[in-house]
């Protein structure tokens, strides 16, 4: 049995190594896509890479089922395979990624409820990056002489098939921007710049990621490159930690970053963003399964220290499609699809799951929450508030069951918890509420430009982040802008039609009437006026028609992942 378990362990290790190589091959395409401005192909690569994990797991699962045959669910054998596998990957820098792959396989064979330490790697106390001391490869530039000359050397150090349009002008603008932003650091604000050798690509930008060091300070430093008609230009310089956190945030799509090993890059990024959860860093680097593992590990480690804190309904209006609960001391929500939906909802469980798949594979434009899908989570029954447990068992009986003293949730989505916008507007000052309403309009615009229409624009379906950004999180009516039929409201032909309580005209399943949007939002007069004044065109059907035409031609404007204030400062000449 030892020979068998060791051989199986080595084959599973090689299976993940194969996935890793195929992942890297897709990732390496990003450089050429960026150079060729082939954004459609980059989007296709993103979807292919996301789906690759399940493809590789299925191939390994089929091989194991064939080789193990009747012993495929032999726990004693799998326990020995796990121990042999641990030994086989022990010296690897990214061994935690390998272990997650192994866990995926065992869970698919055994459909484990909760976790099974005898055949899985659990170790809630492990921080996977704590033992990583191998530094990630980087370029270091000591600041001597003119700062602009240093930045010009920085740009020269990264080679693209497309030349820089104005490298000297870009370098001068970066130097000028740094002097303005870091004036408080003294006459010589920077002493060194460190940038990762690996270039990060996403959507229509390439990023040089690193940090700027002063004598007594350091700050993240990210150089955003755009490929314009005349060649490469530096579009922005991100030096505020909040801006970099948003760039690597849970409302953004995964990066393409050809990292030889992942763990040491995670260590470096975590030093730049110490408040960023480890799971989100793994996920935004494209390692979504490891992100799930780290989110699970962090949450259940926290839960062990909160044995008496109950799960409760999440704040906000109760949804007709999703039941949402939370642990108040932890910034996550658990979202379960109800067994049946109240009228007028006509969707089915499969339809809702399809919406979440769209979001996971789409450009989230900084306005959609990343949702992680979990199966067979096990929680102590005593830790559920009675009214919540009653509703779970009544409304979600198809996926929630009691097993002894535990509650097992067969399927759910886990997301970052946001403050519902409708509640937020009642809790903040009038000025802050106006800013939130205006950003809500910008969120609709940003989503639309990425071909997403929320479907239900009610404020309760949007949340507010700690950076005061409006984010959409209710996906059961989400659809593509290109699939909508935007219409003007027909004019009533007589008094009977004018006084009708319902629509006197035919409304199709995909029909949308933008001019009706403001009527149902529950805004104050001042908020409504501010929204219309700033974003009035989203209530005009002609704007949507124009956008649909642009999307059809693949020429819709990019939604930048950083504010205009991060763009380079112009140089006065």
Protein backbone atom coordinates (compact mmCIF):
# COMPACT_ATOMS: atom_id res chain seq x y z
CA UNK A 1 0.00 0.00 0.00
CA UNK A 2 2.92 2.35 0.64
CA UNK A 3 4.12 2.03 -2.94
CA UNK A 4 0.59 2.64 -4.24
CA UNK A 5 -0.03 5.69 -2.01
CA UNK A 6 3.36 7.22 -2.85
CA UNK A 7 2.79 6.71 -6.57
CA UNK A 8 -0.70 8.24 -6.41
CA UNK A 9 0.64 11.18 -4.39
CA UNK A 10 3.33 11.88 -6.96
CA UNK A 11 0.80 11.70 -9.78
CA UNK A 12 -1.50 14.21 -8.04
CA UNK A 13 1.49 16.50 -7.43
CA UNK A 14 2.37 16.28 -11.12
CA UNK A 15 -1.26 16.95 -11.98
CA UNK A 16 -1.18 20.24 -10.14
CA UNK A 17 2.18 21.07 -11.71
CA UNK A 18 0.53 20.52 -15.10
CA UNK A 19 -2.32 22.87 -14.12
CA UNK A 20 0.25 25.40 -12.95
CA UNK A 21 2.09 25.23 -16.29
CA UNK A 22 -1.12 25.61 -18.30
CA UNK A 23 -2.18 28.51 -16.07
CA UNK A 24 1.17 30.19 -16.76
CA UNK A 25 0.88 29.61 -20.51
CA UNK A 26 -2.47 31.43 -20.62
CA UNK A 27 -1.12 34.17 -18.38
CA UNK A 28 1.87 34.79 -20.65
CA UNK A 29 -0.48 35.61 -23.52
CA UNK A 30 -1.45 38.83 -21.75
CA UNK A 31 1.70 40.68 -22.81
CA UNK A 32 0.98 40.09 -26.49
CA UNK A 33 -2.71 40.92 -26.03
CA UNK A 34 -1.72 44.23 -24.44
CA UNK A 35 0.81 45.02 -27.16
CA UNK A 36 -1.71 44.20 -29.89
CA UNK A 37 -4.61 45.94 -28.12
CA UNK A 38 -6.57 42.69 -28.43
CA UNK A 39 -8.91 43.24 -25.49
CA UNK A 40 -11.49 40.70 -26.63
CA UNK A 41 -8.88 37.93 -26.65
CA UNK A 42 -7.71 38.99 -23.19
CA UNK A 43 -11.27 38.64 -21.90
CA UNK A 44 -11.49 35.19 -23.47
CA UNK A 45 -8.20 34.23 -21.85
CA UNK A 46 -9.57 35.28 -18.47
CA UNK A 47 -12.55 32.95 -18.82
CA UNK A 48 -10.37 30.09 -20.10
CA UNK A 49 -8.01 30.47 -17.15
CA UNK A 50 -10.84 30.57 -14.61
CA UNK A 51 -12.32 27.37 -16.04
CA UNK A 52 -8.95 25.63 -16.27
CA UNK A 53 -8.88 24.56 -12.61
CA UNK A 54 -12.05 22.50 -12.89
CA UNK A 55 -10.85 21.05 -16.19
CA UNK A 56 -7.62 19.83 -14.58
CA UNK A 57 -9.39 18.56 -11.47
CA UNK A 58 -11.83 16.59 -13.63
CA UNK A 59 -8.97 15.02 -15.61
CA UNK A 60 -7.22 13.98 -12.41
CA UNK A 61 -10.49 12.76 -10.90
CA UNK A 62 -11.17 10.56 -13.90
CA UNK A 63 -7.64 9.10 -13.76
CA UNK A 64 -7.92 8.38 -10.05
CA UNK A 65 -11.33 6.74 -10.47
CA UNK A 66 -9.89 4.45 -13.12
CA UNK A 67 -6.72 3.56 -11.23
CA UNK A 68 -8.27 3.17 -7.78
CA UNK A 69 -11.48 1.54 -9.02
CA UNK A 70 -13.33 0.03 -6.02
CA UNK A 71 -10.81 1.65 -3.64
CA UNK A 72 -11.62 5.19 -4.81
CA UNK A 73 -13.39 5.88 -1.49
CA UNK A 74 -11.08 3.91 0.77
CA UNK A 75 -10.38 6.38 3.60
CA UNK A 76 -7.43 4.43 4.94
CA UNK A 77 -5.76 4.55 1.54
CA UNK A 78 -6.55 8.24 1.08
CA UNK A 79 -5.10 8.97 4.52
CA UNK A 80 -1.81 7.39 3.43
CA UNK A 81 -1.94 9.20 0.08
CA UNK A 82 -2.37 12.48 1.93
CA UNK A 83 0.66 11.81 4.15
CA UNK A 84 2.76 10.84 1.14
CA UNK A 85 1.56 13.91 -0.72
CA UNK A 86 2.52 16.18 2.18
CA UNK A 87 6.03 14.78 2.02
CA UNK A 88 6.15 15.16 -1.78
CA UNK A 89 5.29 18.88 -1.70
CA UNK A 90 7.00 19.86 1.56
CA UNK A 91 9.96 21.64 -0.04
CA UNK A 92 7.87 23.63 -2.54
CA UNK A 93 7.39 27.34 -1.98
CA UNK A 94 3.76 27.15 -3.13
CA UNK A 95 2.95 23.93 -1.29
CA UNK A 96 -0.29 25.36 0.10
CA UNK A 97 -1.62 25.67 -3.47
CA UNK A 98 -0.76 22.01 -4.03
CA UNK A 99 -2.58 21.06 -0.84
CA UNK A 100 -5.69 22.94 -1.93
CA UNK A 101 -5.69 20.94 -5.17
CA UNK A 102 -5.52 17.73 -3.15
CA UNK A 103 -8.42 18.86 -0.94
CA UNK A 104 -10.53 19.61 -4.01
CA UNK A 105 -10.07 16.04 -5.18
CA UNK A 106 -10.96 14.42 -1.86
CA UNK A 107 -14.04 16.59 -1.45
CA UNK A 108 -15.28 15.60 -4.90
CA UNK A 109 -14.77 11.91 -4.19
CA UNK A 110 -16.31 11.95 -0.72
CA UNK A 111 -18.69 14.99 -0.86
CA UNK A 112 -17.43 15.84 2.61
CA UNK A 113 -19.76 17.78 4.88
CA UNK A 114 -17.55 20.25 6.70
CA UNK A 115 -13.96 19.00 6.71
CA UNK A 116 -12.36 15.60 7.25
CA UNK A 117 -8.88 15.97 8.78
CA UNK A 118 -8.10 12.33 8.08
CA UNK A 119 -8.07 12.87 4.30
CA UNK A 120 -7.70 16.66 3.95
CA UNK A 121 -5.22 19.36 4.80
CA UNK A 122 -6.99 21.60 7.31
CA UNK A 123 -4.62 23.34 9.75
CA UNK A 124 -6.66 26.42 10.58
CA UNK A 125 -3.70 27.83 12.50
CA UNK A 126 -1.45 28.03 9.42
CA UNK A 127 -0.61 31.31 7.71
CA UNK A 128 0.67 29.99 4.38
CA UNK A 129 3.08 32.87 3.80
CA UNK A 130 4.65 33.02 7.26
CA UNK A 131 7.51 30.68 6.37
CA UNK A 132 8.28 32.30 3.02
CA UNK A 133 11.56 34.21 3.21
CA UNK A 134 12.51 33.91 -0.46
CA UNK A 135 12.24 37.46 -1.89
CA UNK A 136 10.21 38.01 -5.02
CA UNK A 137 12.27 39.14 -8.03
CA UNK A 138 12.34 42.92 -8.35
CA UNK A 139 14.16 45.84 -9.92
CA UNK A 140 15.72 48.32 -7.50
CA UNK A 141 16.62 51.87 -8.50
CA UNK A 142 18.60 54.06 -6.12
CA UNK A 143 17.76 57.73 -6.50
CA UNK A 144 20.83 59.62 -7.67
CA UNK A 145 20.68 62.81 -9.66
CA UNK A 146 17.56 63.83 -11.53
CA UNK A 147 14.42 61.94 -10.53
CA UNK A 148 13.14 62.10 -14.12
CA UNK A 149 16.25 60.24 -15.32
CA UNK A 150 15.56 57.49 -12.77
CA UNK A 151 12.00 57.09 -14.01
CA UNK A 152 13.24 56.97 -17.58
CA UNK A 153 15.55 54.10 -16.59
CA UNK A 154 12.58 52.40 -14.94
CA UNK A 155 10.62 52.46 -18.18
CA UNK A 156 13.57 51.27 -20.25
CA UNK A 157 13.88 48.27 -17.91
CA UNK A 158 10.55 46.83 -19.11
CA UNK A 159 10.58 45.68 -22.72
CA UNK A 160 7.53 45.68 -24.95
CA UNK A 161 7.07 45.13 -28.67
CA UNK A 162 5.43 48.55 -28.75
CA UNK A 163 7.68 51.58 -28.10
CA UNK A 164 6.93 54.32 -25.63
CA UNK A 165 5.40 57.30 -27.40
CA UNK A 166 7.09 59.92 -25.22
CA UNK A 167 9.33 58.24 -22.62
CA UNK A 168 11.13 61.41 -21.58
CA UNK A 169 7.89 63.37 -21.19
CA UNK A 170 6.35 60.50 -19.18
CA UNK A 171 9.41 60.34 -16.93
CA UNK A 172 9.32 64.09 -16.34
CA UNK A 173 5.61 63.93 -15.54
CA UNK A 174 6.18 61.11 -13.04
CA UNK A 175 8.99 63.05 -11.37
CA UNK A 176 6.81 66.15 -11.21
CA UNK A 177 3.92 64.16 -9.73
CA UNK A 178 6.14 62.57 -7.08
CA UNK A 179 7.59 65.92 -6.03
CA UNK A 180 4.10 67.33 -5.61
CA UNK A 181 2.64 64.39 -3.72
CA UNK A 182 5.65 63.74 -1.47
CA UNK A 183 6.53 67.34 -0.69
CA UNK A 184 6.02 66.63 3.01
CA UNK A 185 8.85 64.06 2.88
CA UNK A 186 11.46 66.78 2.45
CA UNK A 187 13.68 68.15 -0.32
CA UNK A 188 14.80 64.65 -1.39
CA UNK A 189 11.65 62.64 -0.79
CA UNK A 190 12.73 59.36 -2.37
CA UNK A 191 15.89 57.33 -1.88
CA UNK A 192 14.91 54.14 -3.73
CA UNK A 193 12.24 52.64 -5.99
CA UNK A 194 11.53 48.89 -6.00
CA UNK A 195 9.32 47.34 -8.66
CA UNK A 196 8.49 43.69 -9.24
CA UNK A 197 10.04 42.22 -12.37
CA UNK A 198 6.67 40.74 -13.28
CA UNK A 199 4.31 43.06 -15.14
CA UNK A 200 0.65 42.86 -14.11
CA UNK A 201 -1.98 43.02 -16.88
CA UNK A 202 -5.71 43.52 -16.66
CA UNK A 203 -8.25 44.82 -19.16
CA UNK A 204 -6.55 47.64 -21.09
CA UNK A 205 -3.68 48.43 -18.73
CA UNK A 206 -0.28 47.08 -17.75
CA UNK A 207 1.02 47.80 -14.24
CA UNK A 208 4.49 48.04 -12.78
CA UNK A 209 3.94 47.24 -9.12
CA UNK A 210 6.22 48.11 -6.25
CA UNK A 211 7.03 50.71 -3.65
CA UNK A 212 8.81 54.01 -3.18
CA UNK A 213 11.10 54.35 -0.18
CA UNK A 214 12.12 57.53 1.58
CA UNK A 215 14.55 57.94 4.42
CA UNK A 216 11.81 57.48 7.02
CA UNK A 217 8.77 56.46 4.97
CA UNK A 218 7.63 54.11 2.26
CA UNK A 219 4.50 53.91 0.17
CA UNK A 220 3.11 51.69 -2.59
CA UNK A 221 4.05 52.78 -6.08
CA UNK A 222 2.17 51.49 -9.13
CA UNK A 223 2.83 52.77 -12.64
CA UNK A 224 -0.15 52.30 -14.98
CA UNK A 225 0.73 51.95 -18.65
CA UNK A 226 -1.70 52.42 -21.51
CA UNK A 227 -1.19 51.38 -25.12
CA UNK A 228 -2.45 54.32 -27.13
CA UNK A 229 -2.53 55.01 -30.88
CA UNK A 230 1.01 56.45 -30.76
CA UNK A 231 2.51 53.82 -28.47
CA UNK A 232 2.88 53.25 -24.73
CA UNK A 233 2.27 56.07 -22.27
CA UNK A 234 2.26 56.31 -18.49
CA UNK A 235 -1.36 57.04 -17.67
CA UNK A 236 -1.24 57.16 -13.90
CA UNK A 237 0.95 56.88 -10.85
CA UNK A 238 -0.73 55.26 -7.85
CA UNK A 239 0.91 56.22 -4.56
CA UNK A 240 -2.02 56.19 -2.12
CA UNK A 241 -2.59 52.92 -0.33
CA UNK A 242 -6.37 53.15 -0.75
CA UNK A 243 -6.00 53.53 -4.52
CA UNK A 244 -3.69 50.51 -4.72
CA UNK A 245 -6.04 48.54 -2.46
CA UNK A 246 -8.89 49.26 -4.87
CA UNK A 247 -6.71 48.15 -7.78
CA UNK A 248 -6.19 44.81 -6.00
CA UNK A 249 -9.70 44.76 -4.60
CA UNK A 250 -12.58 42.30 -4.48
CA UNK A 251 -14.61 44.28 -7.01
CA UNK A 252 -12.02 43.81 -9.76
CA UNK A 253 -11.23 40.98 -12.17
CA UNK A 254 -8.14 38.82 -11.80
CA UNK A 255 -4.72 40.01 -12.95
CA UNK A 256 -2.54 38.28 -15.49
CA UNK A 257 0.85 38.16 -13.75
CA UNK A 258 3.39 35.55 -14.81
CA UNK A 259 4.79 34.78 -11.37
CA UNK A 260 7.22 31.84 -11.12
CA UNK A 261 5.95 31.31 -7.58
CA UNK A 262 2.91 32.91 -6.01
CA UNK A 263 3.66 32.90 -2.28
CA UNK A 264 6.59 35.34 -2.31
CA UNK A 265 4.60 37.79 -4.45
CA UNK A 266 1.74 37.54 -1.96
CA UNK A 267 4.17 38.37 0.86
CA UNK A 268 5.37 41.45 -1.01
CA UNK A 269 1.84 42.64 -1.81
CA UNK A 270 0.71 42.09 1.75
CA UNK A 271 3.55 44.31 2.94
CA UNK A 272 2.20 47.03 0.65
CA UNK A 273 -1.41 46.42 1.71
CA UNK A 274 -1.29 45.17 5.31
CA UNK A 275 -5.07 45.45 5.77
CA UNK A 276 -5.90 43.51 2.63
CA UNK A 277 -7.16 39.99 3.51
CA UNK A 278 -4.86 37.24 2.35
CA UNK A 279 -7.67 35.50 0.49
CA UNK A 280 -8.33 38.56 -1.65
CA UNK A 281 -4.68 38.84 -2.67
CA UNK A 282 -4.59 35.21 -3.81
CA UNK A 283 -7.89 35.62 -5.64
CA UNK A 284 -6.98 38.78 -7.53
CA UNK A 285 -3.81 37.02 -8.73
CA UNK A 286 -6.06 34.41 -10.34
CA UNK A 287 -5.65 31.79 -7.61
CA UNK A 288 -9.34 31.69 -6.73
CA UNK A 289 -9.29 28.23 -5.14
CA UNK A 290 -6.48 29.24 -2.82
CA UNK A 291 -8.44 32.40 -2.08
CA UNK A 292 -11.37 30.22 -1.00
CA UNK A 293 -9.07 28.13 1.18
CA UNK A 294 -7.66 31.19 2.92
CA UNK A 295 -11.10 32.75 3.39
CA UNK A 296 -12.35 29.49 4.94
CA UNK A 297 -9.27 29.21 7.13
CA UNK A 298 -9.46 32.80 8.38
CA UNK A 299 -13.20 32.66 9.06
CA UNK A 300 -13.25 29.37 10.95
CA UNK A 301 -10.18 30.40 12.94
CA UNK A 302 -12.13 33.51 13.94
CA UNK A 303 -15.23 31.45 14.67
CA UNK A 304 -13.32 29.26 17.12
CA UNK A 305 -12.74 32.35 19.27
CA UNK A 306 -16.40 33.43 19.06
CA UNK A 307 -18.27 30.32 20.25
CA UNK A 308 -21.13 32.34 21.74
CA UNK A 309 -21.63 34.89 18.98
CA UNK A 310 -24.73 34.03 16.95
CA UNK A 311 -25.19 34.15 13.21
CA UNK A 312 -27.97 36.63 12.44
CA UNK A 313 -29.80 38.01 9.44
CA UNK A 314 -27.68 40.54 7.58
CA UNK A 315 -28.83 44.14 7.75
CA UNK A 316 -31.08 45.33 4.96
CA UNK A 317 -34.40 44.30 3.47
CA UNK A 318 -35.08 40.59 3.30
CA UNK A 319 -34.65 39.33 -0.25
CA UNK A 320 -37.25 37.31 -2.14
CA UNK A 321 -34.55 35.22 -3.84
CA UNK A 322 -31.62 35.09 -1.43
CA UNK A 323 -31.48 34.54 2.32
CA UNK A 324 -28.47 36.41 3.71
CA UNK A 325 -26.88 35.99 7.13
CA UNK A 326 -23.68 37.10 8.81
CA UNK A 327 -21.52 36.87 11.89
CA UNK A 328 -21.50 40.51 13.07
CA UNK A 329 -17.83 40.48 14.13
CA UNK A 330 -16.57 39.28 10.72
CA UNK A 331 -16.93 41.24 7.44
CA UNK A 332 -18.58 38.49 5.38
CA UNK A 333 -22.10 37.53 4.41
CA UNK A 334 -23.43 34.08 3.47
CA UNK A 335 -26.03 34.10 0.69
CA UNK A 336 -28.32 31.13 0.11
CA UNK A 337 -30.80 30.69 -2.74
CA UNK A 338 -34.30 30.13 -1.39
CA UNK A 339 -36.31 27.06 -2.40
CA UNK A 340 -39.10 29.19 -3.86
CA UNK A 341 -39.33 32.83 -4.87
CA UNK A 342 -42.26 35.09 -4.06
CA UNK A 343 -44.20 36.80 -6.83
CA UNK A 344 -43.28 38.62 -9.08
CA UNK A 345 -39.93 36.79 -9.23
CA UNK A 346 -40.03 34.18 -12.01
CA UNK A 347 -36.44 32.93 -12.01
CA UNK A 348 -35.30 29.46 -10.93
CA UNK A 349 -32.31 28.38 -8.85
CA UNK A 350 -30.36 27.51 -12.01
CA UNK A 351 -31.00 31.00 -13.39
CA UNK A 352 -29.59 32.63 -10.25
CA UNK A 353 -26.51 30.42 -10.35
CA UNK A 354 -26.01 31.37 -13.98
CA UNK A 355 -26.03 35.06 -13.00
CA UNK A 356 -23.27 34.44 -10.47
CA UNK A 357 -21.25 32.59 -13.11
CA UNK A 358 -21.56 35.62 -15.39
CA UNK A 359 -20.17 37.87 -12.67
CA UNK A 360 -17.27 35.52 -11.89
CA UNK A 361 -16.15 35.58 -15.53
CA UNK A 362 -16.92 39.19 -16.42
CA UNK A 363 -15.09 42.48 -16.00
CA UNK A 364 -16.45 43.58 -12.63
CA UNK A 365 -15.44 47.18 -13.33
CA UNK A 366 -14.88 47.89 -9.65
CA UNK A 367 -18.65 47.80 -9.09
CA UNK A 368 -19.50 44.12 -8.52
CA UNK A 369 -18.64 42.09 -5.42
CA UNK A 370 -16.64 38.92 -6.00
CA UNK A 371 -18.71 35.98 -4.74
CA UNK A 372 -17.05 32.71 -3.76
CA UNK A 373 -19.11 29.55 -4.08
CA UNK A 374 -18.94 27.09 -1.17
CA UNK A 375 -20.51 23.68 -0.68
CA UNK A 376 -21.22 21.60 2.42
CA UNK A 377 -20.18 24.07 5.08
CA UNK A 378 -20.73 22.80 8.62
CA UNK A 379 -21.54 25.12 11.54
CA UNK A 380 -22.54 24.50 15.18
CA UNK A 381 -26.32 24.61 15.47
CA UNK A 382 -26.13 26.50 18.73
CA UNK A 383 -24.49 29.41 16.96
CA UNK A 384 -27.56 30.35 14.90
CA UNK A 385 -30.10 32.84 16.21
CA UNK A 386 -33.39 30.90 16.55
CA UNK A 387 -35.32 33.03 14.07
CA UNK A 388 -32.54 32.67 11.49
CA UNK A 389 -32.34 28.90 11.89
CA UNK A 390 -36.11 28.59 11.55
CA UNK A 391 -36.07 30.54 8.29
CA UNK A 392 -33.11 28.57 6.93
CA UNK A 393 -34.88 25.27 7.55
CA UNK A 394 -38.16 26.54 6.14
CA UNK A 395 -37.02 28.65 3.15
CA UNK A 396 -33.80 26.82 2.19
CA UNK A 397 -34.68 23.24 3.05
CA UNK A 398 -33.27 21.94 -0.25
CA UNK A 399 -29.74 22.97 0.72
CA UNK A 400 -29.83 23.22 4.54
CA UNK A 401 -30.04 20.23 6.83
CA UNK A 402 -29.41 19.36 10.44
CA UNK A 403 -26.83 16.70 11.25
CA UNK A 404 -26.81 16.09 14.98
CA UNK A 405 -25.69 19.31 16.65
CA UNK A 406 -24.57 20.87 13.37
CA UNK A 407 -26.12 22.79 10.50
CA UNK A 408 -24.84 21.75 7.05
CA UNK A 409 -25.27 24.21 4.21
CA UNK A 410 -25.08 22.42 0.91
CA UNK A 411 -24.52 25.48 -1.26
CA UNK A 412 -23.96 29.19 -0.67
CA UNK A 413 -22.09 32.26 -1.86
CA UNK A 414 -19.75 34.15 0.43
CA UNK A 415 -19.09 37.85 -0.15
CA UNK A 416 -17.60 40.83 1.63
CA UNK A 417 -20.23 42.58 3.74
CA UNK A 418 -21.20 46.08 2.62
CA UNK A 419 -23.53 48.61 4.18
CA UNK A 420 -26.78 48.63 2.16
CA UNK A 421 -27.05 51.96 0.35
CA UNK A 422 -30.65 52.60 1.43
CA UNK A 423 -29.58 52.33 5.09
CA UNK A 424 -26.36 54.26 4.57
CA UNK A 425 -28.23 57.28 3.19
CA UNK A 426 -30.25 57.51 6.41
CA UNK A 427 -27.18 57.28 8.66
CA UNK A 428 -24.81 59.87 7.21
CA UNK A 429 -24.83 63.62 6.75
CA UNK A 430 -26.74 65.23 3.88
CA UNK A 431 -23.49 65.98 2.04
CA UNK A 432 -22.20 62.40 2.40
CA UNK A 433 -25.57 61.08 1.26
CA UNK A 434 -25.43 63.26 -1.85
CA UNK A 435 -21.94 61.99 -2.65
CA UNK A 436 -23.14 58.41 -2.26
CA UNK A 437 -26.13 58.97 -4.54
CA UNK A 438 -23.90 60.52 -7.21
CA UNK A 439 -21.50 57.57 -6.95
CA UNK A 440 -24.48 55.23 -7.23
CA UNK A 441 -25.20 56.86 -10.60
CA UNK A 442 -21.54 56.43 -11.55
CA UNK A 443 -21.77 52.75 -10.57
CA UNK A 444 -24.68 52.24 -12.98
CA UNK A 445 -22.69 54.02 -15.69
CA UNK A 446 -19.53 51.98 -15.00
CA UNK A 447 -21.42 48.70 -15.04
CA UNK A 448 -23.20 49.63 -18.25
CA UNK A 449 -19.94 50.46 -20.00
CA UNK A 450 -18.72 46.95 -19.10
CA UNK A 451 -21.94 45.45 -20.61
CA UNK A 452 -23.69 44.83 -17.28
CA UNK A 453 -27.21 46.01 -16.47
CA UNK A 454 -28.15 45.41 -12.81
CA UNK A 455 -31.78 44.75 -13.63
CA UNK A 456 -33.06 45.94 -10.27
CA UNK A 457 -31.74 49.44 -9.56
CA UNK A 458 -33.29 49.81 -6.11
CA UNK A 459 -30.89 51.23 -3.54
CA UNK A 460 -31.21 48.14 -1.32
CA UNK A 461 -29.33 46.15 -3.96
CA UNK A 462 -26.24 48.36 -3.71
CA UNK A 463 -23.78 48.60 -0.84
CA UNK A 464 -21.17 51.10 0.30
CA UNK A 465 -17.53 50.15 0.92
CA UNK A 466 -15.21 51.62 3.54
CA UNK A 467 -13.89 53.86 0.75
CA UNK A 468 -17.46 55.13 0.20
CA UNK A 469 -17.88 53.48 -3.19
CA UNK A 470 -21.27 52.22 -4.33
CA UNK A 471 -21.12 48.53 -5.25
CA UNK A 472 -23.84 46.29 -6.71
CA UNK A 473 -24.33 42.92 -5.01
CA UNK A 474 -27.77 41.51 -5.87
CA UNK A 475 -27.36 39.45 -9.03
CA UNK A 476 -30.65 37.58 -9.52
CA UNK A 477 -31.90 40.06 -12.17
CA UNK A 478 -28.51 41.03 -13.60
CA UNK A 479 -28.13 40.77 -17.39
CA UNK A 480 -25.99 42.04 -20.24
CA UNK A 481 -26.72 45.50 -21.62
CA UNK A 482 -26.45 44.03 -25.09
CA UNK A 483 -29.39 41.70 -24.31
CA UNK A 484 -31.76 44.46 -23.11
CA UNK A 485 -34.47 46.12 -25.18
CA UNK A 486 -34.31 49.76 -24.05
CA UNK A 487 -37.52 51.60 -24.88
CA UNK A 488 -39.10 55.01 -24.54
CA UNK A 489 -42.37 55.11 -22.64
CA UNK A 490 -45.27 55.16 -25.12
CA UNK A 491 -47.53 58.21 -24.96
CA UNK A 492 -51.03 57.60 -23.67
CA UNK A 493 -53.61 57.86 -26.45
CA UNK A 494 -56.62 58.64 -24.26
CA UNK A 495 -57.71 59.32 -20.67
CA UNK A 496 -58.26 55.65 -19.86
CA UNK A 497 -54.67 54.83 -20.76
CA UNK A 498 -53.42 57.93 -18.92
CA UNK A 499 -55.21 56.91 -15.69
CA UNK A 500 -54.36 53.22 -15.89
CA UNK A 501 -52.77 51.80 -12.72
CA UNK A 502 -50.68 49.32 -14.66
CA UNK A 503 -48.92 49.33 -17.98
CA UNK A 504 -51.54 49.73 -20.74
CA UNK A 505 -48.94 48.72 -23.33
CA UNK A 506 -47.13 45.42 -23.87
CA UNK A 507 -43.92 44.96 -21.88
CA UNK A 508 -41.56 42.20 -22.99
CA UNK A 509 -39.27 40.20 -20.71
CA UNK A 510 -36.17 42.20 -21.73
CA UNK A 511 -37.84 45.62 -22.03
CA UNK A 512 -36.29 48.43 -20.00
CA UNK A 513 -37.65 51.98 -19.69
CA UNK A 514 -34.79 54.22 -18.46
CA UNK A 515 -36.95 57.31 -17.88
CA UNK A 516 -38.79 55.39 -15.16
CA UNK A 517 -35.66 54.70 -13.10
CA UNK A 518 -35.83 57.76 -10.77
CA UNK A 519 -39.48 57.16 -9.82
CA UNK A 520 -38.87 54.12 -7.62
CA UNK A 521 -35.60 54.89 -5.85
CA UNK A 522 -36.99 56.56 -2.72
CA UNK A 523 -34.59 59.51 -2.92
CA UNK A 524 -35.17 62.92 -1.39
CA UNK A 525 -35.83 65.76 -3.80
CA UNK A 526 -32.27 67.06 -3.33
CA UNK A 527 -30.78 63.62 -3.93
CA UNK A 528 -32.92 63.01 -6.99
CA UNK A 529 -32.03 66.42 -8.45
CA UNK A 530 -28.32 65.83 -7.85
CA UNK A 531 -28.49 62.39 -9.47
CA UNK A 532 -30.28 63.72 -12.55
CA UNK A 533 -28.01 66.73 -12.84
CA UNK A 534 -24.86 64.58 -12.71
CA UNK A 535 -25.99 61.39 -14.42
CA UNK A 536 -29.14 62.40 -16.25
CA UNK A 537 -28.14 60.59 -19.42
CA UNK A 538 -28.59 57.16 -17.79
CA UNK A 539 -32.32 58.00 -17.68
CA UNK A 540 -32.34 58.76 -21.39
CA UNK A 541 -33.01 55.81 -23.69
CA UNK A 542 -30.78 57.37 -26.35
CA UNK A 543 -27.73 57.01 -24.11
CA UNK A 544 -28.39 53.28 -23.77
CA UNK A 545 -28.91 52.88 -27.52
CA UNK A 546 -25.62 54.63 -28.16
CA UNK A 547 -23.88 52.44 -25.59
CA UNK A 548 -25.30 49.26 -27.12
CA UNK A 549 -23.94 50.32 -30.50
CA UNK A 550 -20.51 50.97 -28.98
CA UNK A 551 -20.55 47.58 -27.20
CA UNK A 552 -21.48 45.86 -30.44
CA UNK A 553 -18.43 47.41 -32.06
CA UNK A 554 -16.30 46.59 -28.98
CA UNK A 555 -15.52 50.29 -28.62
CA UNK A 556 -17.12 51.13 -25.28
CA UNK A 557 -14.96 53.24 -22.99
CA UNK A 558 -12.80 51.45 -20.45
CA UNK A 559 -13.70 51.82 -16.79
CA UNK A 560 -10.45 52.86 -15.17
CA UNK A 561 -9.59 51.14 -11.88
CA UNK A 562 -8.22 54.33 -10.35
CA UNK A 563 -9.54 57.86 -9.84
CA UNK A 564 -8.66 60.78 -12.09
CA UNK A 565 -6.60 62.18 -9.21
CA UNK A 566 -4.10 59.34 -9.68
CA UNK A 567 -3.32 60.40 -13.23
CA UNK A 568 -0.06 62.15 -13.94
CA UNK A 569 0.08 65.84 -13.20
CA UNK A 570 0.71 68.04 -16.23
CA UNK A 571 4.00 69.91 -16.30
CA UNK A 572 3.81 73.66 -16.54
CA UNK A 573 6.12 74.82 -19.32
